[in-house]
C-alpha atoms as a PDB file:
ATOM      1  CA  MET A   1     -10.422 297.060 -47.425  1.00  0.00           C
ATOM      2  CA  ARG A   2     -12.490 294.073 -46.327  1.00  0.00           C
ATOM      3  CA  GLU A   3     -16.052 294.345 -45.063  1.00  0.00           C
ATOM      4  CA  PHE A   4     -16.555 295.102 -41.376  1.00  0.00           C
ATOM      5  CA  ASP A   5     -19.376 295.585 -38.910  1.00  0.00           C
ATOM      6  CA  TYR A   6     -20.021 299.066 -37.475  1.00  0.00           C
ATOM      7  CA  ARG A   7     -21.530 299.832 -34.093  1.00  0.00           C
ATOM      8  CA  ARG A   8     -22.034 303.119 -32.301  1.00  0.00           C
ATOM      9  CA  ALA A   9     -21.420 302.921 -28.552  1.00  0.00           C
ATOM     10  CA  THR A  10     -23.762 304.794 -26.234  1.00  0.00           C
ATOM     11  CA  ASP A  11     -21.968 304.134 -22.949  1.00  0.00           C
ATOM     12  CA  VAL A  12     -18.508 303.100 -21.813  1.00  0.00           C
ATOM     13  CA  ALA A  13     -19.556 299.709 -20.450  1.00  0.00           C
ATOM     14  CA  GLY A  14     -21.293 298.864 -23.714  1.00  0.00           C
ATOM     15  CA  ALA A  15     -18.235 299.856 -25.744  1.00  0.00           C
ATOM     16  CA  VAL A  16     -15.981 297.663 -23.597  1.00  0.00           C
ATOM     17  CA  ALA A  17     -18.390 294.742 -23.895  1.00  0.00           C
ATOM     18  CA  LEU A  18     -18.414 294.998 -27.701  1.00  0.00           C
ATOM     19  CA  LEU A  19     -14.630 294.885 -27.799  1.00  0.00           C
ATOM     20  CA  GLY A  20     -14.475 291.956 -25.413  1.00  0.00           C
ATOM     21  CA  ALA A  21     -16.855 289.938 -27.575  1.00  0.00           C
ATOM     22  CA  ASP A  22     -14.462 289.984 -30.538  1.00  0.00           C
ATOM     23  CA  PRO A  23     -10.689 290.514 -30.280  1.00  0.00           C
ATOM     24  CA  ASP A  24     -10.636 291.789 -33.878  1.00  0.00           C
ATOM     25  CA  THR A  25     -12.849 294.736 -32.921  1.00  0.00           C
ATOM     26  CA  ARG A  26     -11.301 298.207 -32.867  1.00  0.00           C
ATOM     27  CA  PHE A  27     -12.481 301.423 -31.271  1.00  0.00           C
ATOM     28  CA  LEU A  28     -13.034 304.279 -33.716  1.00  0.00           C
ATOM     29  CA  GLY A  29     -12.425 307.826 -32.545  1.00  0.00           C
ATOM     30  CA  GLY A  30     -11.405 310.275 -35.248  1.00  0.00           C
ATOM     31  CA  GLY A  31     -10.054 307.500 -37.460  1.00  0.00           C
ATOM     32  CA  THR A  32      -7.127 309.613 -38.667  1.00  0.00           C
ATOM     33  CA  ASN A  33      -4.678 306.747 -38.153  1.00  0.00           C
ATOM     34  CA  LEU A  34      -6.855 303.632 -38.006  1.00  0.00           C
ATOM     35  CA  VAL A  35      -8.653 304.239 -41.302  1.00  0.00           C
ATOM     36  CA  ASP A  36      -5.345 304.807 -43.091  1.00  0.00           C
ATOM     37  CA  LEU A  37      -4.055 301.496 -41.740  1.00  0.00           C
ATOM     38  CA  MET A  38      -7.245 299.750 -42.829  1.00  0.00           C
ATOM     39  CA  LYS A  39      -6.757 301.072 -46.352  1.00  0.00           C
ATOM     40  CA  THR A  40      -3.227 299.630 -46.518  1.00  0.00           C
ATOM     41  CA  GLY A  41      -4.246 296.317 -44.972  1.00  0.00           C
ATOM     42  CA  VAL A  42      -2.185 296.710 -41.803  1.00  0.00           C
ATOM     43  CA  GLU A  43      -5.367 296.756 -39.733  1.00  0.00           C
ATOM     44  CA  ARG A  44      -8.180 294.366 -40.695  1.00  0.00           C
ATOM     45  CA  PRO A  45     -10.868 294.693 -38.017  1.00  0.00           C
ATOM     46  CA  THR A  46     -14.064 292.708 -38.194  1.00  0.00           C
ATOM     47  CA  ARG A  47     -15.937 295.443 -36.322  1.00  0.00           C
ATOM     48  CA  LEU A  48     -15.529 299.133 -35.556  1.00  0.00           C
ATOM     49  CA  VAL A  49     -17.069 300.547 -32.394  1.00  0.00           C
ATOM     50  CA  ASP A  50     -17.591 304.281 -32.772  1.00  0.00           C
ATOM     51  CA  ILE A  51     -16.938 305.964 -29.423  1.00  0.00           C
ATOM     52  CA  ARG A  52     -17.326 309.597 -30.462  1.00  0.00           C
ATOM     53  CA  GLU A  53     -20.683 309.966 -28.698  1.00  0.00           C
ATOM     54  CA  LEU A  54     -19.441 308.719 -25.326  1.00  0.00           C
ATOM     55  CA  PRO A  55     -19.372 311.356 -22.542  1.00  0.00           C
ATOM     56  CA  LEU A  56     -15.575 311.629 -22.684  1.00  0.00           C
ATOM     57  CA  ASP A  57     -15.226 314.963 -24.461  1.00  0.00           C
ATOM     58  CA  ARG A  58     -14.617 317.364 -21.583  1.00  0.00           C
ATOM     59  CA  ILE A  59     -11.566 319.154 -20.192  1.00  0.00           C
ATOM     60  CA  GLU A  60     -11.880 319.891 -16.474  1.00  0.00           C
ATOM     61  CA  THR A  61      -9.661 321.303 -13.773  1.00  0.00           C
ATOM     62  CA  THR A  62      -8.955 318.985 -10.861  1.00  0.00           C
ATOM     63  CA  ASP A  63      -9.208 319.957  -7.208  1.00  0.00           C
ATOM     64  CA  ASP A  64      -5.420 319.951  -6.834  1.00  0.00           C
ATOM     65  CA  GLY A  65      -4.826 322.251  -9.812  1.00  0.00           C
ATOM     66  CA  GLY A  66      -4.232 319.757 -12.593  1.00  0.00           C
ATOM     67  CA  LEU A  67      -6.333 318.932 -15.643  1.00  0.00           C
ATOM     68  CA  ARG A  68      -8.557 316.020 -16.594  1.00  0.00           C
ATOM     69  CA  ILE A  69      -8.819 315.504 -20.359  1.00  0.00           C
ATOM     70  CA  GLY A  70     -11.408 313.161 -21.831  1.00  0.00           C
ATOM     71  CA  ALA A  71     -10.336 310.575 -24.388  1.00  0.00           C
ATOM     72  CA  THR A  72     -12.627 311.872 -27.135  1.00  0.00           C
ATOM     73  CA  VAL A  73     -11.569 315.504 -26.794  1.00  0.00           C
ATOM     74  CA  THR A  74     -10.407 316.538 -30.244  1.00  0.00           C
ATOM     75  CA  ASN A  75      -6.900 317.821 -30.784  1.00  0.00           C
ATOM     76  CA  ALA A  76      -8.374 321.128 -31.947  1.00  0.00           C
ATOM     77  CA  ASP A  77     -10.334 321.585 -28.725  1.00  0.00           C
ATOM     78  CA  LEU A  78      -7.347 320.547 -26.630  1.00  0.00           C
ATOM     79  CA  ALA A  79      -5.043 323.092 -28.237  1.00  0.00           C
ATOM     80  CA  ALA A  80      -7.610 325.890 -27.942  1.00  0.00           C
ATOM     81  CA  HIS A  81      -8.634 325.311 -24.337  1.00  0.00           C
ATOM     82  CA  PRO A  82      -7.640 328.332 -22.192  1.00  0.00           C
ATOM     83  CA  GLU A  83      -6.502 326.251 -19.205  1.00  0.00           C
ATOM     84  CA  VAL A  84      -4.306 324.057 -21.389  1.00  0.00           C
ATOM     85  CA  ARG A  85      -2.734 327.138 -22.933  1.00  0.00           C
ATOM     86  CA  ARG A  86      -2.228 328.756 -19.536  1.00  0.00           C
ATOM     87  CA  ARG A  87      -1.068 325.821 -17.437  1.00  0.00           C
ATOM     88  CA  TYR A  88       0.636 323.578 -20.029  1.00  0.00           C
ATOM     89  CA  PRO A  89       1.494 325.747 -23.063  1.00  0.00           C
ATOM     90  CA  ALA A  90       3.908 323.137 -24.433  1.00  0.00           C
ATOM     91  CA  LEU A  91       0.981 320.752 -24.780  1.00  0.00           C
ATOM     92  CA  ALA A  92      -1.044 323.227 -26.828  1.00  0.00           C
ATOM     93  CA  GLN A  93       2.003 323.984 -28.978  1.00  0.00           C
ATOM     94  CA  ALA A  94       2.661 320.281 -29.584  1.00  0.00           C
ATOM     95  CA  VAL A  95      -0.888 319.650 -30.739  1.00  0.00           C
ATOM     96  CA  LEU A  96      -0.786 322.632 -33.099  1.00  0.00           C
ATOM     97  CA  ALA A  97       2.508 321.401 -34.523  1.00  0.00           C
ATOM     98  CA  GLY A  98       1.228 317.867 -34.931  1.00  0.00           C
ATOM     99  CA  ALA A  99      -1.159 317.990 -37.862  1.00  0.00           C
ATOM    100  CA  SER A 100      -3.222 320.075 -40.223  1.00  0.00           C
ATOM    101  CA  GLY A 101      -6.343 321.852 -39.010  1.00  0.00           C
ATOM    102  CA  GLN A 102      -8.591 319.310 -40.690  1.00  0.00           C
ATOM    103  CA  LEU A 103      -6.912 316.432 -38.882  1.00  0.00           C
ATOM    104  CA  ARG A 104      -6.948 318.255 -35.543  1.00  0.00           C
ATOM    105  CA  ASN A 105     -10.699 318.664 -35.880  1.00  0.00           C
ATOM    106  CA  MET A 106     -11.108 314.882 -36.102  1.00  0.00           C
ATOM    107  CA  ALA A 107      -8.245 313.318 -34.142  1.00  0.00           C
ATOM    108  CA  THR A 108      -8.864 312.481 -30.488  1.00  0.00           C
ATOM    109  CA  VAL A 109      -6.644 312.425 -27.416  1.00  0.00           C
ATOM    110  CA  GLY A 110      -7.048 308.683 -26.866  1.00  0.00           C
ATOM    111  CA  GLY A 111      -6.404 307.879 -30.492  1.00  0.00           C
ATOM    112  CA  ASN A 112      -3.342 310.105 -30.565  1.00  0.00           C
ATOM    113  CA  LEU A 113      -1.756 308.097 -27.756  1.00  0.00           C
ATOM    114  CA  LEU A 114      -2.419 304.844 -29.594  1.00  0.00           C
ATOM    115  CA  GLN A 115      -1.345 305.855 -33.098  1.00  0.00           C
ATOM    116  CA  ARG A 116       1.035 303.457 -34.769  1.00  0.00           C
ATOM    117  CA  THR A 117       4.475 304.172 -36.173  1.00  0.00           C
ATOM    118  CA  ARG A 118       4.855 305.777 -39.589  1.00  0.00           C
ATOM    119  CA  CYS A 119       7.733 303.478 -40.556  1.00  0.00           C
ATOM    120  CA  GLY A 120       7.451 302.663 -44.258  1.00  0.00           C
ATOM    121  CA  TYR A 121       8.174 298.989 -43.678  1.00  0.00           C
ATOM    122  CA  PHE A 122       5.369 298.766 -41.118  1.00  0.00           C
ATOM    123  CA  THR A 123       2.803 300.313 -43.426  1.00  0.00           C
ATOM    124  CA  ASP A 124       3.851 298.221 -46.449  1.00  0.00           C
ATOM    125  CA  VAL A 125       2.320 294.769 -46.013  1.00  0.00           C
ATOM    126  CA  THR A 126       4.614 293.336 -48.694  1.00  0.00           C
ATOM    127  CA  GLN A 127       7.587 293.895 -46.387  1.00  0.00           C
ATOM    128  CA  PRO A 128       8.566 291.982 -43.249  1.00  0.00           C
ATOM    129  CA  CYS A 129       8.022 293.836 -39.983  1.00  0.00           C
ATOM    130  CA  ASN A 130       8.255 292.559 -36.426  1.00  0.00           C
ATOM    131  CA  LYS A 131       5.479 294.917 -35.342  1.00  0.00           C
ATOM    132  CA  ARG A 132       3.034 293.384 -37.811  1.00  0.00           C
ATOM    133  CA  ILE A 133       4.355 289.813 -37.877  1.00  0.00           C
ATOM    134  CA  PRO A 134       6.520 288.962 -34.853  1.00  0.00           C
ATOM    135  CA  GLY A 135       9.722 287.241 -35.874  1.00  0.00           C
ATOM    136  CA  SER A 136       9.608 288.318 -39.523  1.00  0.00           C
ATOM    137  CA  GLY A 137      12.485 290.798 -39.165  1.00  0.00           C
ATOM    138  CA  CYS A 138      13.186 294.529 -39.220  1.00  0.00           C
ATOM    139  CA  PRO A 139      14.424 295.607 -42.664  1.00  0.00           C
ATOM    140  CA  ALA A 140      14.849 299.192 -41.458  1.00  0.00           C
ATOM    141  CA  VAL A 141      18.018 298.214 -39.561  1.00  0.00           C
ATOM    142  CA  GLU A 142      19.847 297.719 -42.859  1.00  0.00           C
ATOM    143  CA  GLY A 143      17.492 299.759 -45.042  1.00  0.00           C
ATOM    144  CA  GLU A 144      15.805 303.174 -44.886  1.00  0.00           C
ATOM    145  CA  HIS A 145      16.157 304.492 -41.343  1.00  0.00           C
ATOM    146  CA  HIS A 146      17.132 308.156 -41.512  1.00  0.00           C
ATOM    147  CA  ASN A 147      14.168 309.089 -39.284  1.00  0.00           C
ATOM    148  CA  HIS A 148      14.337 306.114 -36.965  1.00  0.00           C
ATOM    149  CA  ALA A 149      15.292 305.655 -33.323  1.00  0.00           C
ATOM    150  CA  VAL A 150      18.603 306.516 -31.711  1.00  0.00           C
ATOM    151  CA  LEU A 151      17.469 305.758 -28.136  1.00  0.00           C
ATOM    152  CA  GLY A 152      15.910 302.653 -26.635  1.00  0.00           C
ATOM    153  CA  ALA A 153      15.746 300.632 -29.844  1.00  0.00           C
ATOM    154  CA  SER A 154      16.677 296.997 -30.403  1.00  0.00           C
ATOM    155  CA  ASP A 155      17.628 294.900 -33.406  1.00  0.00           C
ATOM    156  CA  ARG A 156      13.958 293.819 -33.518  1.00  0.00           C
ATOM    157  CA  CYS A 157      12.617 297.332 -34.217  1.00  0.00           C
ATOM    158  CA  VAL A 158      14.055 300.809 -34.720  1.00  0.00           C
ATOM    159  CA  ALA A 159      10.839 302.716 -35.482  1.00  0.00           C
ATOM    160  CA  VAL A 160       9.852 305.865 -33.599  1.00  0.00           C
ATOM    161  CA  HIS A 161       6.562 306.872 -32.027  1.00  0.00           C
ATOM    162  CA  PRO A 162       5.014 309.642 -34.151  1.00  0.00           C
ATOM    163  CA  SER A 163       2.947 311.521 -31.540  1.00  0.00           C
ATOM    164  CA  ASP A 164       3.716 315.167 -30.816  1.00  0.00           C
ATOM    165  CA  MET A 165       1.086 315.377 -28.083  1.00  0.00           C
ATOM    166  CA  ALA A 166       2.560 312.485 -26.086  1.00  0.00           C
ATOM    167  CA  VAL A 167       5.915 314.268 -25.671  1.00  0.00           C
ATOM    168  CA  PRO A 168       4.744 317.054 -23.324  1.00  0.00           C
ATOM    169  CA  LEU A 169       2.399 314.587 -21.634  1.00  0.00           C
ATOM    170  CA  ALA A 170       5.494 312.542 -20.788  1.00  0.00           C
ATOM    171  CA  ALA A 171       7.337 315.614 -19.529  1.00  0.00           C
ATOM    172  CA  PHE A 172       4.482 316.519 -17.184  1.00  0.00           C
ATOM    173  CA  ASP A 173       3.862 313.053 -15.717  1.00  0.00           C
ATOM    174  CA  ALA A 174       0.471 312.417 -17.302  1.00  0.00           C
ATOM    175  CA  VAL A 175      -1.604 309.454 -16.174  1.00  0.00           C
ATOM    176  CA  VAL A 176      -3.743 307.475 -18.629  1.00  0.00           C
ATOM    177  CA  ARG A 177      -7.111 306.272 -17.354  1.00  0.00           C
ATOM    178  CA  TYR A 178      -8.943 303.342 -18.886  1.00  0.00           C
ATOM    179  CA  GLU A 179     -11.932 301.069 -18.423  1.00  0.00           C
ATOM    180  CA  THR A 180     -12.113 297.280 -18.769  1.00  0.00           C
ATOM    181  CA  ALA A 181     -14.801 294.697 -18.123  1.00  0.00           C
ATOM    182  CA  ASP A 182     -13.256 294.301 -14.658  1.00  0.00           C
ATOM    183  CA  GLY A 183     -13.518 298.017 -13.882  1.00  0.00           C
ATOM    184  CA  PRO A 184     -11.387 301.164 -14.174  1.00  0.00           C
ATOM    185  CA  GLY A 185      -7.625 301.426 -14.024  1.00  0.00           C
ATOM    186  CA  GLU A 186      -4.820 303.841 -14.722  1.00  0.00           C
ATOM    187  CA  LEU A 187      -1.241 303.847 -15.941  1.00  0.00           C
ATOM    188  CA  PRO A 188       1.387 306.577 -15.625  1.00  0.00           C
ATOM    189  CA  LEU A 189       2.486 307.533 -19.113  1.00  0.00           C
ATOM    190  CA  ALA A 190       6.008 306.504 -18.079  1.00  0.00           C
ATOM    191  CA  GLU A 191       4.679 302.929 -17.884  1.00  0.00           C
ATOM    192  CA  PHE A 192       2.075 303.143 -20.637  1.00  0.00           C
ATOM    193  CA  TYR A 193       4.474 302.548 -23.546  1.00  0.00           C
ATOM    194  CA  LEU A 194       6.489 299.338 -23.369  1.00  0.00           C
ATOM    195  CA  PRO A 195      10.198 299.116 -24.209  1.00  0.00           C
ATOM    196  CA  VAL A 196      10.874 297.579 -27.612  1.00  0.00           C
ATOM    197  CA  GLY A 197      12.988 294.654 -26.434  1.00  0.00           C
ATOM    198  CA  ASP A 198      12.154 291.415 -28.212  1.00  0.00           C
ATOM    199  CA  THR A 199       8.420 292.188 -28.488  1.00  0.00           C
ATOM    200  CA  PRO A 200       7.924 295.341 -30.592  1.00  0.00           C
ATOM    201  CA  HIS A 201       4.397 294.191 -31.460  1.00  0.00           C
ATOM    202  CA  ARG A 202       3.431 294.824 -27.805  1.00  0.00           C
ATOM    203  CA  GLU A 203       3.380 298.606 -27.777  1.00  0.00           C
ATOM    204  CA  THR A 204       1.447 299.532 -24.622  1.00  0.00           C
ATOM    205  CA  ALA A 205       0.717 298.119 -21.190  1.00  0.00           C
ATOM    206  CA  LEU A 206      -3.028 298.541 -21.617  1.00  0.00           C
ATOM    207  CA  PRO A 207      -4.858 295.387 -20.493  1.00  0.00           C
ATOM    208  CA  PRO A 208      -6.698 293.434 -23.194  1.00  0.00           C
ATOM    209  CA  GLY A 209     -10.100 294.894 -23.924  1.00  0.00           C
ATOM    210  CA  ALA A 210      -9.320 298.287 -22.398  1.00  0.00           C
ATOM    211  CA  LEU A 211     -10.820 301.577 -23.540  1.00  0.00           C
ATOM    212  CA  ILE A 212      -8.882 304.749 -22.752  1.00  0.00           C
ATOM    213  CA  THR A 213     -11.277 307.124 -21.000  1.00  0.00           C
ATOM    214  CA  GLY A 214      -8.989 310.082 -20.366  1.00  0.00           C
ATOM    215  CA  VAL A 215      -5.693 311.577 -19.359  1.00  0.00           C
ATOM    216  CA  VAL A 216      -4.943 313.357 -16.095  1.00  0.00           C
ATOM    217  CA  LEU A 217      -2.205 315.955 -15.820  1.00  0.00           C
ATOM    218  CA  PRO A 218      -1.074 316.511 -12.226  1.00  0.00           C
ATOM    219  CA  PRO A 219      -0.386 320.068 -11.084  1.00  0.00           C
ATOM    220  CA  ALA A 220       3.014 321.264 -12.296  1.00  0.00           C
ATOM    221  CA  PRO A 221       3.688 324.987 -11.782  1.00  0.00           C
ATOM    222  CA  VAL A 222       6.879 324.717 -13.853  1.00  0.00           C
ATOM    223  CA  ALA A 223       4.749 323.666 -16.855  1.00  0.00           C
ATOM    224  CA  ALA A 224       3.371 327.201 -17.155  1.00  0.00           C
ATOM    225  CA  ARG A 225       6.856 328.143 -18.409  1.00  0.00           C
ATOM    226  CA  SER A 226       7.184 325.455 -21.045  1.00  0.00           C
ATOM    227  CA  ARG A 227       7.745 325.124 -24.761  1.00  0.00           C
ATOM    228  CA  TYR A 228       7.461 322.516 -27.476  1.00  0.00           C
ATOM    229  CA  ARG A 229       9.828 322.718 -30.411  1.00  0.00           C
ATOM    230  CA  LYS A 230       9.534 320.456 -33.439  1.00  0.00           C
ATOM    231  CA  VAL A 231      12.086 319.966 -36.191  1.00  0.00           C
ATOM    232  CA  ARG A 232      10.763 318.587 -39.470  1.00  0.00           C
ATOM    233  CA  GLU A 233      11.966 318.229 -43.011  1.00  0.00           C
ATOM    234  CA  ARG A 234       9.523 320.792 -44.383  1.00  0.00           C
ATOM    235  CA  ALA A 235       7.673 323.698 -42.816  1.00  0.00           C
ATOM    236  CA  SER A 236       4.226 322.342 -43.677  1.00  0.00           C
ATOM    237  CA  TYR A 237       2.525 319.448 -41.909  1.00  0.00           C
ATOM    238  CA  ALA A 238       5.091 316.676 -41.433  1.00  0.00           C
ATOM    239  CA  PHE A 239       6.199 314.222 -38.779  1.00  0.00           C
ATOM    240  CA  ALA A 240       9.102 315.267 -36.580  1.00  0.00           C
ATOM    241  CA  ILE A 241      12.668 314.216 -37.139  1.00  0.00           C
ATOM    242  CA  GLY A 242      13.269 315.453 -33.589  1.00  0.00           C
ATOM    243  CA  SER A 243      11.230 317.331 -31.007  1.00  0.00           C
ATOM    244  CA  LEU A 244      11.485 318.574 -27.445  1.00  0.00           C
ATOM    245  CA  ALA A 245       9.057 319.490 -24.689  1.00  0.00           C
ATOM    246  CA  ALA A 246      10.846 321.496 -22.019  1.00  0.00           C
ATOM    247  CA  ALA A 247       9.996 323.484 -18.916  1.00  0.00           C
ATOM    248  CA  LEU A 248      12.491 325.422 -16.827  1.00  0.00           C
ATOM    249  CA  ASP A 249      12.380 327.206 -13.478  1.00  0.00           C
ATOM    250  CA  VAL A 250      15.449 329.358 -12.841  1.00  0.00           C
ATOM    251  CA  ARG A 251      15.889 331.199  -9.548  1.00  0.00           C
ATOM    252  CA  ASP A 252      18.844 333.473  -8.797  1.00  0.00           C
ATOM    253  CA  GLY A 253      20.754 332.027 -11.725  1.00  0.00           C
ATOM    254  CA  VAL A 254      20.297 328.407 -10.641  1.00  0.00           C
ATOM    255  CA  VAL A 255      18.003 325.798 -12.180  1.00  0.00           C
ATOM    256  CA  HIS A 256      15.399 325.004  -9.536  1.00  0.00           C
ATOM    257  CA  GLU A 257      13.391 322.542 -11.649  1.00  0.00           C
ATOM    258  CA  ALA A 258      13.466 321.223 -15.199  1.00  0.00           C
ATOM    259  CA  ARG A 259      11.254 318.919 -17.234  1.00  0.00           C
ATOM    260  CA  LEU A 260      12.363 317.492 -20.566  1.00  0.00           C
ATOM    261  CA  ALA A 261      11.009 314.893 -22.954  1.00  0.00           C
ATOM    262  CA  LEU A 262      12.305 314.077 -26.420  1.00  0.00           C
ATOM    263  CA  GLY A 263      10.208 313.073 -29.419  1.00  0.00           C
ATOM    264  CA  ALA A 264      10.928 311.203 -32.668  1.00  0.00           C
ATOM    265  CA  VAL A 265      14.037 309.566 -31.208  1.00  0.00           C
ATOM    266  CA  ALA A 266      12.584 306.366 -29.700  1.00  0.00           C
ATOM    267  CA  SER A 267       9.627 303.994 -29.876  1.00  0.00           C
ATOM    268  CA  ARG A 268       7.960 306.077 -27.167  1.00  0.00           C
ATOM    269  CA  PRO A 269       8.172 309.666 -25.935  1.00  0.00           C
ATOM    270  CA  TRP A 270      11.529 309.763 -24.182  1.00  0.00           C
ATOM    271  CA  ARG A 271      11.567 311.351 -20.727  1.00  0.00           C
ATOM    272  CA  ALA A 272      15.027 312.872 -20.319  1.00  0.00           C
ATOM    273  CA  LEU A 273      15.639 311.994 -16.659  1.00  0.00           C
ATOM    274  CA  ALA A 274      19.426 312.036 -16.950  1.00  0.00           C
ATOM    275  CA  ALA A 275      19.307 315.543 -18.399  1.00  0.00           C
ATOM    276  CA  GLU A 276      16.927 316.710 -15.674  1.00  0.00           C
ATOM    277  CA  ALA A 277      19.300 315.392 -13.008  1.00  0.00           C
ATOM    278  CA  VAL A 278      22.206 317.373 -14.463  1.00  0.00           C
ATOM    279  CA  LEU A 279      20.130 320.541 -14.717  1.00  0.00           C
ATOM    280  CA  THR A 280      18.600 320.557 -11.238  1.00  0.00           C
ATOM    281  CA  GLY A 281      20.674 322.693  -8.886  1.00  0.00           C
ATOM    282  CA  ALA A 282      23.189 323.662 -11.571  1.00  0.00           C
ATOM    283  CA  PRO A 283      23.988 327.189 -12.817  1.00  0.00           C
ATOM    284  CA  ALA A 284      21.697 328.220 -15.650  1.00  0.00           C
ATOM    285  CA  GLY A 285      23.649 328.637 -18.862  1.00  0.00           C
ATOM    286  CA  ALA A 286      24.605 327.104 -22.176  1.00  0.00           C
ATOM    287  CA  ASP A 287      27.359 324.939 -20.683  1.00  0.00           C
ATOM    288  CA  THR A 288      24.933 323.352 -18.234  1.00  0.00           C
ATOM    289  CA  TYR A 289      22.320 322.825 -20.921  1.00  0.00           C
ATOM    290  CA  ALA A 290      24.885 321.164 -23.195  1.00  0.00           C
ATOM    291  CA  ALA A 291      26.097 318.926 -20.363  1.00  0.00           C
ATOM    292  CA  ALA A 292      22.509 317.892 -19.661  1.00  0.00           C
ATOM    293  CA  ALA A 293      21.917 317.025 -23.308  1.00  0.00           C
ATOM    294  CA  ASP A 294      25.168 315.062 -23.467  1.00  0.00           C
ATOM    295  CA  ALA A 295      24.213 313.087 -20.367  1.00  0.00           C
ATOM    296  CA  GLU A 296      20.913 312.048 -21.927  1.00  0.00           C
ATOM    297  CA  LEU A 297      22.304 311.322 -25.367  1.00  0.00           C
ATOM    298  CA  ALA A 298      25.221 309.261 -24.057  1.00  0.00           C
ATOM    299  CA  ALA A 299      22.923 306.246 -24.377  1.00  0.00           C
ATOM    300  CA  ALA A 300      22.199 306.945 -28.054  1.00  0.00           C
ATOM    301  CA  ARG A 301      22.988 304.146 -30.485  1.00  0.00           C
ATOM    302  CA  PRO A 302      22.434 305.633 -33.936  1.00  0.00           C
ATOM    303  CA  LEU A 303      22.321 303.626 -37.127  1.00  0.00           C
ATOM    304  CA  PRO A 304      24.521 304.488 -40.124  1.00  0.00           C
ATOM    305  CA  HIS A 305      22.118 307.088 -41.548  1.00  0.00           C
ATOM    306  CA  ASN A 306      20.471 308.723 -38.532  1.00  0.00           C
ATOM    307  CA  GLY A 307      23.404 309.851 -36.420  1.00  0.00           C
ATOM    308  CA  TYR A 308      22.502 313.439 -37.253  1.00  0.00           C
ATOM    309  CA  LYS A 309      19.700 313.150 -34.703  1.00  0.00           C
ATOM    310  CA  VAL A 310      22.169 313.122 -31.818  1.00  0.00           C
ATOM    311  CA  THR A 311      23.620 316.486 -32.840  1.00  0.00           C
ATOM    312  CA  LEU A 312      20.175 317.831 -33.696  1.00  0.00           C
ATOM    313  CA  MET A 313      18.750 316.964 -30.274  1.00  0.00           C
ATOM    314  CA  ARG A 314      21.788 318.345 -28.441  1.00  0.00           C
ATOM    315  CA  ASN A 315      21.410 321.659 -30.232  1.00  0.00           C
ATOM    316  CA  LEU A 316      17.653 321.645 -29.687  1.00  0.00           C
ATOM    317  CA  VAL A 317      17.990 321.161 -25.934  1.00  0.00           C
ATOM    318  CA  VAL A 318      20.508 323.999 -25.630  1.00  0.00           C
ATOM    319  CA  ALA A 319      18.483 326.363 -27.811  1.00  0.00           C
ATOM    320  CA  VAL A 320      15.112 325.799 -26.141  1.00  0.00           C
ATOM    321  CA  LEU A 321      16.438 325.939 -22.582  1.00  0.00           C
ATOM    322  CA  THR A 322      18.323 329.136 -23.417  1.00  0.00           C
ATOM    323  CA  GLU A 323      15.141 330.690 -24.775  1.00  0.00           C
ATOM    324  CA  LEU A 324      13.138 329.701 -21.701  1.00  0.00           C
ATOM    325  CA  ALA A 325      15.769 331.104 -19.331  1.00  0.00           C
ATOM    326  CA  GLU A 326      15.998 334.369 -21.254  1.00  0.00           C
ATOM    327  CA  GLU A 327      12.235 334.784 -21.248  1.00  0.00           C
ATOM    328  CA  ALA A 328      12.037 334.190 -17.514  1.00  0.00           C
ATOM    329  CA  ALA A 329      14.710 336.828 -16.904  1.00  0.00           C
ATOM    330  CA  ARG A 330      12.820 339.575 -18.748  1.00  0.00           C
END
């Protein structure tokens, strides 16, 4: 790890100014991803700006019944908050499934959204990687890719986004708020993560020099009946090989509303709009749930060693939606 300058920000404008003065500056929240990448040499900042003392650590209800979550709220506080657990239980479940207790106590909401892929080729600086060095290649296409993308990938990059938290945020139409030297802005999460295309090194649509200040969840009554399910290779703390955030509103045997987002299958949390379209207005039941999953996964393009994810996600969608419907009928 090379030497770097360290500053502690006392206000948002000051933090943004410090970043703008040096493009090799990085914001430091919990450091649970950034510090690891600094140790491996993937990240080599000249300065860290510690933002943990900024007034961005609150969770508040909005006037319309949604939630406003500050960027420096820890994952532990997010998962434990009574309004998160009541209004968006899938979000609390995702955070609890995402990491060990020690990491949840440090990791922040803003940092979680910006965490980098856990692809072994990305984190190994001796290997080529289009995310680290554009144009150098993606060895995962022909190499180790059993946990890589089956949706939305390209021959430039097949890595997946590792966040659990971002999956329910995608399902519930979260909006990311940020601050730049030119003032505040916001991005729907659906637009926050960029498609891989030919530029996998460009991961988000955040403007240069932006600091995430929070996330807003709009009111979503269906989210109160939601669930996050994560499949991993061991029961202890591990990244997902497939995950699902789902919410279901069934009335008189018919699906009135459904929200689905898939995790660990693409470079970003994957909102399952095709599946939602099949579900809405259809009879509740396993056949409908399977048809919805098939509609979404029709676009899957698995590699030689990760085709199992298509079957896994189909089964996961059917199982979780069945559980939600059965619970609602009790």
